[in-house]
């Protein structure tokens, strides 16, 4: 095999591996999706971000291994989502990363990110109370 052929096989293997990463290993991600309304959410006049609540709450229950469909008031598809979470409804908030917040692009053929809602998965093993901030 020549260098060009070996390179082509390497690129194909890499792309195949990346394609596997695109699908969620969490088989239950699209089951029992809880709907969360837009009640209490607001658009920040200075930034244009939409938040589920102010810093003092009320916070949204965000149980371990759960998926929520969060209604939002952006009026367009969000480009970024930040999660600030606490261990209790009135607890101190800290920004979270990793599998505590996974945006699901679709579930069972239904788009997960639209101009009025977004699917969010808590793939971690901890229950939280959450404040979500969506950036247009």
C-alpha atoms as a PDB file:
ATOM      1  CA  UNK A   1       0.000   0.000   0.000  1.00  0.00           C
ATOM      2  CA  UNK A   2       1.317   3.430  -0.862  1.00  0.00           C
ATOM      3  CA  UNK A   3       1.385   6.465   1.440  1.00  0.00           C
ATOM      4  CA  UNK A   4      -1.705   7.995  -0.186  1.00  0.00           C
ATOM      5  CA  UNK A   5      -3.696   4.763   0.373  1.00  0.00           C
ATOM      6  CA  UNK A   6      -2.545   4.514   3.990  1.00  0.00           C
ATOM      7  CA  UNK A   7      -3.484   8.150   4.562  1.00  0.00           C
ATOM      8  CA  UNK A   8      -6.939   7.594   3.065  1.00  0.00           C
ATOM      9  CA  UNK A   9      -7.504   4.580   5.336  1.00  0.00           C
ATOM     10  CA  UNK A  10      -6.351   6.596   8.366  1.00  0.00           C
ATOM     11  CA  UNK A  11      -8.735   9.457   7.557  1.00  0.00           C
ATOM     12  CA  UNK A  12     -11.606   6.996   7.002  1.00  0.00           C
ATOM     13  CA  UNK A  13     -10.906   5.347  10.364  1.00  0.00           C
ATOM     14  CA  UNK A  14     -10.788   8.724  12.105  1.00  0.00           C
ATOM     15  CA  UNK A  15     -14.072   9.860  10.554  1.00  0.00           C
ATOM     16  CA  UNK A  16     -15.680   6.538  11.426  1.00  0.00           C
ATOM     17  CA  UNK A  17     -14.570   6.932  15.020  1.00  0.00           C
ATOM     18  CA  UNK A  18     -15.917  10.478  15.175  1.00  0.00           C
ATOM     19  CA  UNK A  19     -19.242   9.335  13.755  1.00  0.00           C
ATOM     20  CA  UNK A  20     -19.502   6.877  16.616  1.00  0.00           C
ATOM     21  CA  UNK A  21     -18.918   9.705  19.091  1.00  0.00           C
ATOM     22  CA  UNK A  22     -21.846  11.656  17.648  1.00  0.00           C
ATOM     23  CA  UNK A  23     -24.376   9.167  18.975  1.00  0.00           C
ATOM     24  CA  UNK A  24     -25.147   9.126  22.674  1.00  0.00           C
ATOM     25  CA  UNK A  25     -24.117   5.984  24.555  1.00  0.00           C
ATOM     26  CA  UNK A  26     -26.977   6.808  26.947  1.00  0.00           C
ATOM     27  CA  UNK A  27     -29.813   4.630  25.624  1.00  0.00           C
ATOM     28  CA  UNK A  28     -32.380   6.238  27.947  1.00  0.00           C
ATOM     29  CA  UNK A  29     -31.700   9.862  26.939  1.00  0.00           C
ATOM     30  CA  UNK A  30     -34.891  10.143  24.861  1.00  0.00           C
ATOM     31  CA  UNK A  31     -37.188   8.355  27.306  1.00  0.00           C
ATOM     32  CA  UNK A  32     -39.472  10.148  29.767  1.00  0.00           C
ATOM     33  CA  UNK A  33     -38.649  13.686  28.651  1.00  0.00           C
ATOM     34  CA  UNK A  34     -39.973  16.212  31.180  1.00  0.00           C
ATOM     35  CA  UNK A  35     -41.433  19.424  29.785  1.00  0.00           C
ATOM     36  CA  UNK A  36     -40.285  22.631  31.516  1.00  0.00           C
ATOM     37  CA  UNK A  37     -42.302  25.761  30.717  1.00  0.00           C
ATOM     38  CA  UNK A  38     -41.074  29.281  30.115  1.00  0.00           C
ATOM     39  CA  UNK A  39     -42.652  30.556  33.344  1.00  0.00           C
ATOM     40  CA  UNK A  40     -40.348  32.966  35.103  1.00  0.00           C
ATOM     41  CA  UNK A  41     -37.782  33.133  32.317  1.00  0.00           C
ATOM     42  CA  UNK A  42     -36.606  36.480  31.003  1.00  0.00           C
ATOM     43  CA  UNK A  43     -34.347  38.114  28.429  1.00  0.00           C
ATOM     44  CA  UNK A  44     -31.498  40.175  29.866  1.00  0.00           C
ATOM     45  CA  UNK A  45     -31.678  43.611  28.233  1.00  0.00           C
ATOM     46  CA  UNK A  46     -27.902  44.127  28.310  1.00  0.00           C
ATOM     47  CA  UNK A  47     -26.734  40.787  26.884  1.00  0.00           C
ATOM     48  CA  UNK A  48     -29.775  39.468  25.007  1.00  0.00           C
ATOM     49  CA  UNK A  49     -29.376  36.161  26.883  1.00  0.00           C
ATOM     50  CA  UNK A  50     -32.455  34.306  28.095  1.00  0.00           C
ATOM     51  CA  UNK A  51     -32.347  32.899  31.641  1.00  0.00           C
ATOM     52  CA  UNK A  52     -34.750  30.588  33.434  1.00  0.00           C
ATOM     53  CA  UNK A  53     -34.566  32.750  36.563  1.00  0.00           C
ATOM     54  CA  UNK A  54     -32.529  35.335  38.396  1.00  0.00           C
ATOM     55  CA  UNK A  55     -29.596  34.282  40.574  1.00  0.00           C
ATOM     56  CA  UNK A  56     -31.848  33.772  43.590  1.00  0.00           C
ATOM     57  CA  UNK A  57     -34.218  31.439  41.723  1.00  0.00           C
ATOM     58  CA  UNK A  58     -36.594  29.826  41.584  1.00  0.00           C
ATOM     59  CA  UNK A  59     -34.388  26.989  40.361  1.00  0.00           C
ATOM     60  CA  UNK A  60     -35.548  24.101  38.158  1.00  0.00           C
ATOM     61  CA  UNK A  61     -35.295  20.538  39.518  1.00  0.00           C
ATOM     62  CA  UNK A  62     -32.726  18.725  37.337  1.00  0.00           C
ATOM     63  CA  UNK A  63     -32.505  15.091  38.517  1.00  0.00           C
ATOM     64  CA  UNK A  64     -29.654  12.729  37.675  1.00  0.00           C
ATOM     65  CA  UNK A  65     -30.013  10.867  34.375  1.00  0.00           C
ATOM     66  CA  UNK A  66     -32.996  12.956  33.276  1.00  0.00           C
ATOM     67  CA  UNK A  67     -33.830  14.826  30.078  1.00  0.00           C
ATOM     68  CA  UNK A  68     -35.843  18.030  30.000  1.00  0.00           C
ATOM     69  CA  UNK A  69     -37.342  19.950  27.103  1.00  0.00           C
ATOM     70  CA  UNK A  70     -36.785  23.521  28.234  1.00  0.00           C
ATOM     71  CA  UNK A  71     -39.112  26.098  26.726  1.00  0.00           C
ATOM     72  CA  UNK A  72     -37.248  29.353  26.117  1.00  0.00           C
ATOM     73  CA  UNK A  73     -38.156  32.869  25.097  1.00  0.00           C
ATOM     74  CA  UNK A  74     -35.265  33.653  22.730  1.00  0.00           C
ATOM     75  CA  UNK A  75     -37.450  33.470  19.625  1.00  0.00           C
ATOM     76  CA  UNK A  76     -34.573  31.816  17.746  1.00  0.00           C
ATOM     77  CA  UNK A  77     -32.238  28.861  18.101  1.00  0.00           C
ATOM     78  CA  UNK A  78     -29.776  29.298  20.983  1.00  0.00           C
ATOM     79  CA  UNK A  79     -26.076  29.147  20.148  1.00  0.00           C
ATOM     80  CA  UNK A  80     -24.871  28.386  23.671  1.00  0.00           C
ATOM     81  CA  UNK A  81     -26.283  27.029  26.932  1.00  0.00           C
ATOM     82  CA  UNK A  82     -24.780  27.514  30.382  1.00  0.00           C
ATOM     83  CA  UNK A  83     -25.868  25.639  33.491  1.00  0.00           C
ATOM     84  CA  UNK A  84     -25.527  26.981  37.010  1.00  0.00           C
ATOM     85  CA  UNK A  85     -26.471  24.314  39.556  1.00  0.00           C
ATOM     86  CA  UNK A  86     -27.012  23.907  43.284  1.00  0.00           C
ATOM     87  CA  UNK A  87     -27.591  20.873  45.485  1.00  0.00           C
ATOM     88  CA  UNK A  88     -30.678  22.430  47.119  1.00  0.00           C
ATOM     89  CA  UNK A  89     -33.486  24.727  45.885  1.00  0.00           C
ATOM     90  CA  UNK A  90     -31.977  27.698  47.752  1.00  0.00           C
ATOM     91  CA  UNK A  91     -28.340  26.608  47.523  1.00  0.00           C
ATOM     92  CA  UNK A  92     -25.312  28.374  46.106  1.00  0.00           C
ATOM     93  CA  UNK A  93     -24.969  28.140  42.329  1.00  0.00           C
ATOM     94  CA  UNK A  94     -21.851  27.000  40.483  1.00  0.00           C
ATOM     95  CA  UNK A  95     -21.333  26.673  36.740  1.00  0.00           C
ATOM     96  CA  UNK A  96     -21.302  23.054  35.567  1.00  0.00           C
ATOM     97  CA  UNK A  97     -19.513  21.336  32.706  1.00  0.00           C
ATOM     98  CA  UNK A  98     -19.206  17.830  31.334  1.00  0.00           C
ATOM     99  CA  UNK A  99     -22.033  15.333  31.131  1.00  0.00           C
ATOM    100  CA  UNK A 100     -24.138  17.259  33.657  1.00  0.00           C
ATOM    101  CA  UNK A 101     -25.328  19.311  30.686  1.00  0.00           C
ATOM    102  CA  UNK A 102     -25.605  17.641  27.312  1.00  0.00           C
ATOM    103  CA  UNK A 103     -27.588  19.297  24.534  1.00  0.00           C
ATOM    104  CA  UNK A 104     -29.415  16.646  22.511  1.00  0.00           C
ATOM    105  CA  UNK A 105     -29.622  17.660  18.833  1.00  0.00           C
ATOM    106  CA  UNK A 106     -32.578  15.313  18.327  1.00  0.00           C
ATOM    107  CA  UNK A 107     -34.597  12.574  19.968  1.00  0.00           C
ATOM    108  CA  UNK A 108     -36.316   9.912  17.921  1.00  0.00           C
ATOM    109  CA  UNK A 109     -36.251  12.130  14.827  1.00  0.00           C
ATOM    110  CA  UNK A 110     -37.660  15.208  16.589  1.00  0.00           C
ATOM    111  CA  UNK A 111     -35.330  18.240  16.609  1.00  0.00           C
ATOM    112  CA  UNK A 112     -33.883  18.908  20.042  1.00  0.00           C
ATOM    113  CA  UNK A 113     -32.907  22.523  19.391  1.00  0.00           C
ATOM    114  CA  UNK A 114     -35.545  24.916  18.064  1.00  0.00           C
ATOM    115  CA  UNK A 115     -36.509  28.575  18.263  1.00  0.00           C
ATOM    116  CA  UNK A 116     -38.785  27.797  21.249  1.00  0.00           C
ATOM    117  CA  UNK A 117     -37.266  24.803  23.108  1.00  0.00           C
ATOM    118  CA  UNK A 118     -34.080  22.827  23.716  1.00  0.00           C
ATOM    119  CA  UNK A 119     -33.475  19.256  24.964  1.00  0.00           C
ATOM    120  CA  UNK A 120     -31.042  19.094  27.882  1.00  0.00           C
ATOM    121  CA  UNK A 121     -29.710  15.896  29.489  1.00  0.00           C
ATOM    122  CA  UNK A 122     -28.259  15.512  32.972  1.00  0.00           C
ATOM    123  CA  UNK A 123     -26.046  12.511  32.248  1.00  0.00           C
ATOM    124  CA  UNK A 124     -24.330  12.752  35.618  1.00  0.00           C
ATOM    125  CA  UNK A 125     -25.276  10.808  38.715  1.00  0.00           C
ATOM    126  CA  UNK A 126     -26.212  13.815  40.853  1.00  0.00           C
ATOM    127  CA  UNK A 127     -29.527  15.582  41.379  1.00  0.00           C
ATOM    128  CA  UNK A 128     -29.352  19.357  40.985  1.00  0.00           C
ATOM    129  CA  UNK A 129     -31.486  22.473  41.036  1.00  0.00           C
ATOM    130  CA  UNK A 130     -30.637  24.521  37.975  1.00  0.00           C
ATOM    131  CA  UNK A 131     -30.549  27.943  36.392  1.00  0.00           C
ATOM    132  CA  UNK A 132     -30.046  27.793  32.614  1.00  0.00           C
ATOM    133  CA  UNK A 133     -28.772  30.694  30.515  1.00  0.00           C
ATOM    134  CA  UNK A 134     -29.206  30.543  26.720  1.00  0.00           C
ATOM    135  CA  UNK A 135     -27.224  32.805  24.411  1.00  0.00           C
ATOM    136  CA  UNK A 136     -28.681  33.793  21.036  1.00  0.00           C
END
